[in-house]
Amino acid sequence: MDLVSVPPACICQPAKKPVSEPTTEALTALEERLGHRFTDKALLLRALTHSSYGDGRGDAPNNERLEFLGDRVLGLLAARFLFLENRGFDEGDMAPRLNTLVRKETCADAARLANLGEALRLSKAETRSGGRDKTKILGDVCEAVLAALYLDGGMEAASHFFETYWAENLRDVMGNVRDPKSHLQEWAQSEGGELPVYTLKTRQGPDHAPQFVVEVQAKGQKAIGTANSKQEAERQAAREILKQNGHTHD
């Protein structure tokens, strides 16, 4: 057959997908980590869909509406935990602890523990720029997944996710609610001292499971913190130098 007679659609190269898609295996593994099998698989896919998906030209709805709902579900779960865990807490005790549990960095840390970044639906450009480990994107998808769990499995499914991936933070907030970086700053500046200095020493590992090593210097002393986010590594370093100087942060 002469190429001239071939319809244009037959000689065009197949269009490449403009986005990265999670595999069936990745979604199944994610459901196992979430502890919930979705009846509505489309709901889970929507929760994993960033606004960059399809470079803004796709018809698939993104996760922004679910993020809105998930923020409220998280607030209720965190408030319920604080209310029931220590009945001696008054509003002044609970408010700062609630803020710690629902902040974007805490949500992003939970997303990293659950490895949500692996299954994100992102544009290729966002993927290349490290979107699977960006705190804002991970914090948002964590809230969206929490909402999807609530809609598909009720409060029981959402609560399981919260109790599993916020476990360390839940233990922390029942002790000293002061952020260790704030505590270190107060100590470092006592008697005219200077602010602590944080330095990122290394970042290792794949985008979906990075390891950050941060050094802090304060009052002529140094300490190292290691964690799966830069912010948490800084907090770990602050805790270590406080511990070295007899300041507990438990």
C-alpha atoms as a PDB file:
ATOM      1  CA  MET A   1       0.000   0.000   0.000  1.00  0.00           C
ATOM      2  CA  ASP A   2       1.291   3.468  -0.905  1.00  0.00           C
ATOM      3  CA  LEU A   3       1.934   5.640   2.135  1.00  0.00           C
ATOM      4  CA  VAL A   4       0.046   8.448   0.462  1.00  0.00           C
ATOM      5  CA  SER A   5      -3.168   6.453   0.738  1.00  0.00           C
ATOM      6  CA  VAL A   6      -2.710   5.627   4.412  1.00  0.00           C
ATOM      7  CA  PRO A   7      -4.937   7.719   6.696  1.00  0.00           C
ATOM      8  CA  PRO A   8      -2.887  10.078   8.898  1.00  0.00           C
ATOM      9  CA  ALA A   9      -4.067   8.339  12.068  1.00  0.00           C
ATOM     10  CA  CYS A  10      -2.366   5.132  10.909  1.00  0.00           C
ATOM     11  CA  ILE A  11       1.092   6.606  10.426  1.00  0.00           C
ATOM     12  CA  CYS A  12       1.181   8.767  13.564  1.00  0.00           C
ATOM     13  CA  GLN A  13       3.379   7.530  16.418  1.00  0.00           C
ATOM     14  CA  PRO A  14       1.399   6.477  19.524  1.00  0.00           C
ATOM     15  CA  ALA A  15       1.129   9.354  21.972  1.00  0.00           C
ATOM     16  CA  LYS A  16       3.303   8.986  25.041  1.00  0.00           C
ATOM     17  CA  LYS A  17       1.634   9.250  28.405  1.00  0.00           C
ATOM     18  CA  PRO A  18       2.322  12.679  29.865  1.00  0.00           C
ATOM     19  CA  VAL A  19       2.160  11.352  33.419  1.00  0.00           C
ATOM     20  CA  SER A  20       3.515   8.610  35.619  1.00  0.00           C
ATOM     21  CA  GLU A  21       0.928   6.009  36.614  1.00  0.00           C
ATOM     22  CA  PRO A  22       1.045   3.732  39.650  1.00  0.00           C
ATOM     23  CA  THR A  23       1.044   0.079  38.678  1.00  0.00           C
ATOM     24  CA  THR A  24      -1.601  -2.361  39.851  1.00  0.00           C
ATOM     25  CA  GLU A  25       1.057  -3.945  42.050  1.00  0.00           C
ATOM     26  CA  ALA A  26       1.915  -0.576  43.608  1.00  0.00           C
ATOM     27  CA  LEU A  27      -1.746   0.122  44.406  1.00  0.00           C
ATOM     28  CA  THR A  28      -2.211  -3.338  45.918  1.00  0.00           C
ATOM     29  CA  ALA A  29       0.887  -2.849  48.065  1.00  0.00           C
ATOM     30  CA  LEU A  30      -0.414   0.556  49.122  1.00  0.00           C
ATOM     31  CA  GLU A  31      -3.757  -0.908  50.209  1.00  0.00           C
ATOM     32  CA  GLU A  32      -1.847  -3.415  52.343  1.00  0.00           C
ATOM     33  CA  ARG A  33       0.073  -0.585  54.012  1.00  0.00           C
ATOM     34  CA  LEU A  34      -3.161   1.330  54.566  1.00  0.00           C
ATOM     35  CA  GLY A  35      -4.823  -1.744  56.056  1.00  0.00           C
ATOM     36  CA  HIS A  36      -7.889  -1.300  53.845  1.00  0.00           C
ATOM     37  CA  ARG A  37      -9.104  -2.786  50.554  1.00  0.00           C
ATOM     38  CA  PHE A  38     -11.013  -0.130  48.664  1.00  0.00           C
ATOM     39  CA  THR A  39     -14.469  -0.959  47.346  1.00  0.00           C
ATOM     40  CA  ASP A  40     -14.220   2.163  45.182  1.00  0.00           C
ATOM     41  CA  LYS A  41     -10.781   1.948  43.564  1.00  0.00           C
ATOM     42  CA  ALA A  42     -11.446   5.187  41.669  1.00  0.00           C
ATOM     43  CA  LEU A  43     -11.658   6.999  44.983  1.00  0.00           C
ATOM     44  CA  LEU A  44      -8.142   5.879  45.925  1.00  0.00           C
ATOM     45  CA  LEU A  45      -6.820   6.915  42.497  1.00  0.00           C
ATOM     46  CA  ARG A  46      -8.404  10.329  42.905  1.00  0.00           C
ATOM     47  CA  ALA A  47      -6.752  10.742  46.304  1.00  0.00           C
ATOM     48  CA  LEU A  48      -3.391  10.022  44.666  1.00  0.00           C
ATOM     49  CA  THR A  49      -3.895  12.461  41.780  1.00  0.00           C
ATOM     50  CA  HIS A  50      -1.937  15.709  42.066  1.00  0.00           C
ATOM     51  CA  SER A  51      -3.152  18.820  40.253  1.00  0.00           C
ATOM     52  CA  SER A  52      -0.152  18.576  37.896  1.00  0.00           C
ATOM     53  CA  TYR A  53      -1.428  15.259  36.489  1.00  0.00           C
ATOM     54  CA  GLY A  54      -1.691  15.521  32.708  1.00  0.00           C
ATOM     55  CA  ASP A  55       0.039  18.904  32.867  1.00  0.00           C
ATOM     56  CA  GLY A  56      -3.309  20.397  33.793  1.00  0.00           C
ATOM     57  CA  ARG A  57      -5.005  19.125  30.619  1.00  0.00           C
ATOM     58  CA  GLY A  58      -6.400  15.839  31.881  1.00  0.00           C
ATOM     59  CA  ASP A  59     -10.041  15.148  32.703  1.00  0.00           C
ATOM     60  CA  ALA A  60      -9.268  13.151  35.861  1.00  0.00           C
ATOM     61  CA  PRO A  61     -10.280  15.044  39.011  1.00  0.00           C
ATOM     62  CA  ASN A  62      -7.398  15.838  41.339  1.00  0.00           C
ATOM     63  CA  ASN A  63      -7.225  15.337  45.092  1.00  0.00           C
ATOM     64  CA  GLU A  64      -7.846  18.917  46.253  1.00  0.00           C
ATOM     65  CA  ARG A  65     -11.469  18.357  47.366  1.00  0.00           C
ATOM     66  CA  LEU A  66     -10.450  15.199  49.216  1.00  0.00           C
ATOM     67  CA  GLU A  67      -7.605  17.117  50.835  1.00  0.00           C
ATOM     68  CA  PHE A  68     -10.171  19.620  52.169  1.00  0.00           C
ATOM     69  CA  LEU A  69     -12.225  16.825  53.728  1.00  0.00           C
ATOM     70  CA  GLY A  70      -9.167  14.944  54.992  1.00  0.00           C
ATOM     71  CA  ASP A  71      -7.949  18.008  56.859  1.00  0.00           C
ATOM     72  CA  ARG A  72     -11.205  17.998  58.849  1.00  0.00           C
ATOM     73  CA  VAL A  73     -11.118  14.234  59.418  1.00  0.00           C
ATOM     74  CA  LEU A  74      -7.550  14.529  60.714  1.00  0.00           C
ATOM     75  CA  GLY A  75      -8.520  17.382  63.012  1.00  0.00           C
ATOM     76  CA  LEU A  76     -11.337  15.301  64.501  1.00  0.00           C
ATOM     77  CA  LEU A  77      -9.122  12.235  64.974  1.00  0.00           C
ATOM     78  CA  ALA A  78      -6.380  14.283  66.629  1.00  0.00           C
ATOM     79  CA  ALA A  79      -8.839  16.141  68.874  1.00  0.00           C
ATOM     80  CA  ARG A  80     -10.535  12.890  69.890  1.00  0.00           C
ATOM     81  CA  PHE A  81      -7.187  11.309  70.739  1.00  0.00           C
ATOM     82  CA  LEU A  82      -6.136  14.240  72.935  1.00  0.00           C
ATOM     83  CA  PHE A  83      -9.535  14.421  74.622  1.00  0.00           C
ATOM     84  CA  LEU A  84      -9.606  10.728  75.519  1.00  0.00           C
ATOM     85  CA  GLU A  85      -5.906  10.110  76.204  1.00  0.00           C
ATOM     86  CA  ASN A  86      -5.535  12.590  79.069  1.00  0.00           C
ATOM     87  CA  ARG A  87      -8.726  13.792  80.697  1.00  0.00           C
ATOM     88  CA  GLY A  88      -6.684  16.241  82.753  1.00  0.00           C
ATOM     89  CA  PHE A  89      -5.827  18.296  79.667  1.00  0.00           C
ATOM     90  CA  ASP A  90      -7.613  21.620  79.379  1.00  0.00           C
ATOM     91  CA  GLU A  91      -8.041  23.553  76.136  1.00  0.00           C
ATOM     92  CA  GLY A  92      -4.693  25.284  76.616  1.00  0.00           C
ATOM     93  CA  ASP A  93      -2.966  21.888  76.858  1.00  0.00           C
ATOM     94  CA  MET A  94      -4.718  20.412  73.842  1.00  0.00           C
ATOM     95  CA  ALA A  95      -4.523  23.274  71.324  1.00  0.00           C
ATOM     96  CA  PRO A  96      -0.734  23.308  70.736  1.00  0.00           C
ATOM     97  CA  ARG A  97      -0.625  19.518  70.669  1.00  0.00           C
ATOM     98  CA  LEU A  98      -3.402  19.474  68.076  1.00  0.00           C
ATOM     99  CA  ASN A  99      -1.463  21.946  65.934  1.00  0.00           C
ATOM    100  CA  THR A 100       1.578  19.653  66.071  1.00  0.00           C
ATOM    101  CA  LEU A 101      -0.425  16.623  64.929  1.00  0.00           C
ATOM    102  CA  VAL A 102      -2.155  18.305  61.976  1.00  0.00           C
ATOM    103  CA  ARG A 103       0.623  20.462  60.556  1.00  0.00           C
ATOM    104  CA  LYS A 104       1.772  19.825  56.992  1.00  0.00           C
ATOM    105  CA  GLU A 105       5.209  18.516  58.043  1.00  0.00           C
ATOM    106  CA  THR A 106       3.639  15.884  60.303  1.00  0.00           C
ATOM    107  CA  CYS A 107       1.317  14.767  57.501  1.00  0.00           C
ATOM    108  CA  ALA A 108       4.264  14.566  55.098  1.00  0.00           C
ATOM    109  CA  ASP A 109       6.212  12.415  57.557  1.00  0.00           C
ATOM    110  CA  ALA A 110       3.206  10.060  57.815  1.00  0.00           C
ATOM    111  CA  ALA A 111       3.040   9.935  54.005  1.00  0.00           C
ATOM    112  CA  ARG A 112       6.714   8.959  53.833  1.00  0.00           C
ATOM    113  CA  LEU A 113       6.221   6.200  56.380  1.00  0.00           C
ATOM    114  CA  ALA A 114       3.296   4.859  54.336  1.00  0.00           C
ATOM    115  CA  ASN A 115       5.318   5.363  51.123  1.00  0.00           C
ATOM    116  CA  LEU A 116       2.497   7.285  49.449  1.00  0.00           C
ATOM    117  CA  GLY A 117       4.974   8.982  47.130  1.00  0.00           C
ATOM    118  CA  GLU A 118       5.505   5.750  45.213  1.00  0.00           C
ATOM    119  CA  ALA A 119       1.878   5.686  44.052  1.00  0.00           C
ATOM    120  CA  LEU A 120       1.353   9.400  43.353  1.00  0.00           C
ATOM    121  CA  ARG A 121      -0.068  10.417  39.978  1.00  0.00           C
ATOM    122  CA  LEU A 122       2.126  13.336  38.924  1.00  0.00           C
ATOM    123  CA  SER A 123       3.151  15.027  35.718  1.00  0.00           C
ATOM    124  CA  LYS A 124       6.531  13.994  34.388  1.00  0.00           C
ATOM    125  CA  ALA A 125       7.838  17.495  35.060  1.00  0.00           C
ATOM    126  CA  GLU A 126       6.747  17.352  38.703  1.00  0.00           C
ATOM    127  CA  THR A 127       8.253  13.880  39.034  1.00  0.00           C
ATOM    128  CA  ARG A 128      11.577  15.080  37.632  1.00  0.00           C
ATOM    129  CA  SER A 129      11.623  18.009  40.068  1.00  0.00           C
ATOM    130  CA  GLY A 130      11.357  15.658  43.066  1.00  0.00           C
ATOM    131  CA  GLY A 131       7.612  15.975  43.622  1.00  0.00           C
ATOM    132  CA  ARG A 132       7.381  12.556  45.236  1.00  0.00           C
ATOM    133  CA  ASP A 133       9.296  13.892  48.238  1.00  0.00           C
ATOM    134  CA  LYS A 134       8.026  17.477  48.460  1.00  0.00           C
ATOM    135  CA  THR A 135       6.555  18.217  51.884  1.00  0.00           C
ATOM    136  CA  LYS A 136       3.589  20.175  50.479  1.00  0.00           C
ATOM    137  CA  ILE A 137       2.621  17.470  47.973  1.00  0.00           C
ATOM    138  CA  LEU A 138       3.056  14.636  50.480  1.00  0.00           C
ATOM    139  CA  GLY A 139       1.154  16.491  53.198  1.00  0.00           C
ATOM    140  CA  ASP A 140      -1.726  17.118  50.817  1.00  0.00           C
ATOM    141  CA  VAL A 141      -1.906  13.546  49.513  1.00  0.00           C
ATOM    142  CA  CYS A 142      -1.810  12.229  53.073  1.00  0.00           C
ATOM    143  CA  GLU A 143      -4.914  14.252  53.933  1.00  0.00           C
ATOM    144  CA  ALA A 144      -6.594  13.171  50.675  1.00  0.00           C
ATOM    145  CA  VAL A 145      -5.936   9.496  51.375  1.00  0.00           C
ATOM    146  CA  LEU A 146      -7.287   9.944  54.893  1.00  0.00           C
ATOM    147  CA  ALA A 147     -10.495  11.346  53.388  1.00  0.00           C
ATOM    148  CA  ALA A 148     -10.708   8.486  50.885  1.00  0.00           C
ATOM    149  CA  LEU A 149     -10.345   5.968  53.698  1.00  0.00           C
ATOM    150  CA  TYR A 150     -13.099   7.728  55.630  1.00  0.00           C
ATOM    151  CA  LEU A 151     -15.478   7.762  52.643  1.00  0.00           C
ATOM    152  CA  ASP A 152     -14.783   4.148  51.637  1.00  0.00           C
ATOM    153  CA  GLY A 153     -14.326   2.507  55.024  1.00  0.00           C
ATOM    154  CA  GLY A 154     -15.716   4.906  57.601  1.00  0.00           C
ATOM    155  CA  MET A 155     -14.029   6.317  60.669  1.00  0.00           C
ATOM    156  CA  GLU A 156     -12.591   2.907  61.563  1.00  0.00           C
ATOM    157  CA  ALA A 157     -10.448   2.804  58.407  1.00  0.00           C
ATOM    158  CA  ALA A 158      -9.371   6.434  58.819  1.00  0.00           C
ATOM    159  CA  SER A 159      -8.552   5.889  62.487  1.00  0.00           C
ATOM    160  CA  HIS A 160      -6.405   2.838  61.703  1.00  0.00           C
ATOM    161  CA  PHE A 161      -4.310   4.890  59.269  1.00  0.00           C
ATOM    162  CA  PHE A 162      -3.994   7.727  61.795  1.00  0.00           C
ATOM    163  CA  GLU A 163      -3.008   5.496  64.715  1.00  0.00           C
ATOM    164  CA  THR A 164      -0.488   3.575  62.580  1.00  0.00           C
ATOM    165  CA  TYR A 165       1.373   6.414  60.877  1.00  0.00           C
ATOM    166  CA  TRP A 166       1.075   9.083  63.568  1.00  0.00           C
ATOM    167  CA  ALA A 167       2.130   6.666  66.346  1.00  0.00           C
ATOM    168  CA  GLU A 168       5.481   8.316  67.134  1.00  0.00           C
ATOM    169  CA  ASN A 169       3.976  11.795  67.043  1.00  0.00           C
ATOM    170  CA  LEU A 170       1.135  10.684  69.313  1.00  0.00           C
ATOM    171  CA  ARG A 171       3.682   9.523  71.883  1.00  0.00           C
ATOM    172  CA  ASP A 172       5.663  12.739  71.553  1.00  0.00           C
ATOM    173  CA  VAL A 173       2.761  15.120  72.081  1.00  0.00           C
ATOM    174  CA  MET A 174       1.771  13.452  75.333  1.00  0.00           C
ATOM    175  CA  GLY A 175       5.073  14.651  76.801  1.00  0.00           C
ATOM    176  CA  ASN A 176       6.695  18.027  76.370  1.00  0.00           C
ATOM    177  CA  VAL A 177       4.701  19.806  73.692  1.00  0.00           C
ATOM    178  CA  ARG A 178       7.423  22.369  73.064  1.00  0.00           C
ATOM    179  CA  ASP A 179       9.129  21.902  69.718  1.00  0.00           C
ATOM    180  CA  PRO A 180      12.754  20.838  70.388  1.00  0.00           C
ATOM    181  CA  LYS A 181      14.062  23.488  67.963  1.00  0.00           C
ATOM    182  CA  SER A 182      12.282  26.208  69.944  1.00  0.00           C
ATOM    183  CA  HIS A 183      13.601  24.726  73.192  1.00  0.00           C
ATOM    184  CA  LEU A 184      17.158  24.678  71.809  1.00  0.00           C
ATOM    185  CA  GLN A 185      16.870  28.251  70.579  1.00  0.00           C
ATOM    186  CA  GLU A 186      15.818  29.438  74.033  1.00  0.00           C
ATOM    187  CA  TRP A 187      18.730  27.610  75.651  1.00  0.00           C
ATOM    188  CA  ALA A 188      21.273  28.722  73.032  1.00  0.00           C
ATOM    189  CA  GLN A 189      20.297  32.377  73.351  1.00  0.00           C
ATOM    190  CA  SER A 190      20.360  32.367  77.140  1.00  0.00           C
ATOM    191  CA  GLU A 191      23.046  34.627  78.565  1.00  0.00           C
ATOM    192  CA  GLY A 192      23.512  36.374  75.237  1.00  0.00           C
ATOM    193  CA  GLY A 193      24.245  33.304  73.114  1.00  0.00           C
ATOM    194  CA  GLU A 194      23.682  33.087  69.358  1.00  0.00           C
ATOM    195  CA  LEU A 195      21.034  31.229  67.393  1.00  0.00           C
ATOM    196  CA  PRO A 196      21.633  27.527  66.614  1.00  0.00           C
ATOM    197  CA  VAL A 197      22.987  26.826  63.127  1.00  0.00           C
ATOM    198  CA  TYR A 198      21.597  23.837  61.179  1.00  0.00           C
ATOM    199  CA  THR A 199      23.590  22.336  58.287  1.00  0.00           C
ATOM    200  CA  LEU A 200      22.392  19.627  55.910  1.00  0.00           C
ATOM    201  CA  LYS A 201      25.309  17.174  55.741  1.00  0.00           C
ATOM    202  CA  THR A 202      23.917  14.507  53.403  1.00  0.00           C
ATOM    203  CA  ARG A 203      20.767  13.389  51.636  1.00  0.00           C
ATOM    204  CA  GLN A 204      20.762   9.742  50.641  1.00  0.00           C
ATOM    205  CA  GLY A 205      18.348   7.127  49.369  1.00  0.00           C
ATOM    206  CA  PRO A 206      15.642   7.139  46.672  1.00  0.00           C
ATOM    207  CA  ASP A 207      13.082   9.926  46.345  1.00  0.00           C
ATOM    208  CA  HIS A 208      10.339   7.859  47.957  1.00  0.00           C
ATOM    209  CA  ALA A 209      12.487   6.944  51.003  1.00  0.00           C
ATOM    210  CA  PRO A 210      15.168   9.596  51.585  1.00  0.00           C
ATOM    211  CA  GLN A 211      17.447   9.901  54.608  1.00  0.00           C
ATOM    212  CA  PHE A 212      18.581  13.346  55.719  1.00  0.00           C
ATOM    213  CA  VAL A 213      21.545  13.930  58.043  1.00  0.00           C
ATOM    214  CA  VAL A 214      21.607  17.359  59.690  1.00  0.00           C
ATOM    215  CA  GLU A 215      24.195  18.860  62.049  1.00  0.00           C
ATOM    216  CA  VAL A 216      23.337  21.557  64.571  1.00  0.00           C
ATOM    217  CA  GLN A 217      25.818  23.822  66.335  1.00  0.00           C
ATOM    218  CA  ALA A 218      24.921  25.716  69.488  1.00  0.00           C
ATOM    219  CA  LYS A 219      27.098  27.199  72.229  1.00  0.00           C
ATOM    220  CA  GLY A 220      30.209  25.664  70.671  1.00  0.00           C
ATOM    221  CA  GLN A 221      28.732  22.171  70.649  1.00  0.00           C
ATOM    222  CA  LYS A 222      27.544  19.919  67.832  1.00  0.00           C
ATOM    223  CA  ALA A 223      24.982  17.139  67.394  1.00  0.00           C
ATOM    224  CA  ILE A 224      23.677  15.071  64.501  1.00  0.00           C
ATOM    225  CA  GLY A 225      20.108  14.150  63.595  1.00  0.00           C
ATOM    226  CA  THR A 226      18.945  11.609  61.008  1.00  0.00           C
ATOM    227  CA  ALA A 227      15.391  11.237  59.683  1.00  0.00           C
ATOM    228  CA  ASN A 228      13.325  10.819  56.524  1.00  0.00           C
ATOM    229  CA  SER A 229      12.633  14.557  56.289  1.00  0.00           C
ATOM    230  CA  LYS A 230      14.936  17.546  56.689  1.00  0.00           C
ATOM    231  CA  GLN A 231      12.635  19.135  59.272  1.00  0.00           C
ATOM    232  CA  GLU A 232      12.529  16.006  61.435  1.00  0.00           C
ATOM    233  CA  ALA A 233      16.314  15.553  61.152  1.00  0.00           C
ATOM    234  CA  GLU A 234      16.708  19.098  62.492  1.00  0.00           C
ATOM    235  CA  ARG A 235      14.368  18.283  65.387  1.00  0.00           C
ATOM    236  CA  GLN A 236      16.313  15.093  66.126  1.00  0.00           C
ATOM    237  CA  ALA A 237      19.579  17.044  66.167  1.00  0.00           C
ATOM    238  CA  ALA A 238      18.036  19.610  68.506  1.00  0.00           C
ATOM    239  CA  ARG A 239      16.825  16.842  70.850  1.00  0.00           C
ATOM    240  CA  GLU A 240      20.305  15.289  70.897  1.00  0.00           C
ATOM    241  CA  ILE A 241      22.150  18.467  71.830  1.00  0.00           C
ATOM    242  CA  LEU A 242      19.563  19.261  74.506  1.00  0.00           C
ATOM    243  CA  LYS A 243      20.014  15.732  75.909  1.00  0.00           C
ATOM    244  CA  GLN A 244      23.797  16.182  75.959  1.00  0.00           C
ATOM    245  CA  ASN A 245      23.314  19.217  78.152  1.00  0.00           C
ATOM    246  CA  GLY A 246      20.835  17.727  80.583  1.00  0.00           C
ATOM    247  CA  HIS A 247      17.671  19.153  79.022  1.00  0.00           C
ATOM    248  CA  THR A 248      15.153  16.338  78.531  1.00  0.00           C
ATOM    249  CA  HIS A 249      12.557  16.674  75.786  1.00  0.00           C
ATOM    250  CA  ASP A 250      10.239  13.727  76.361  1.00  0.00           C
END
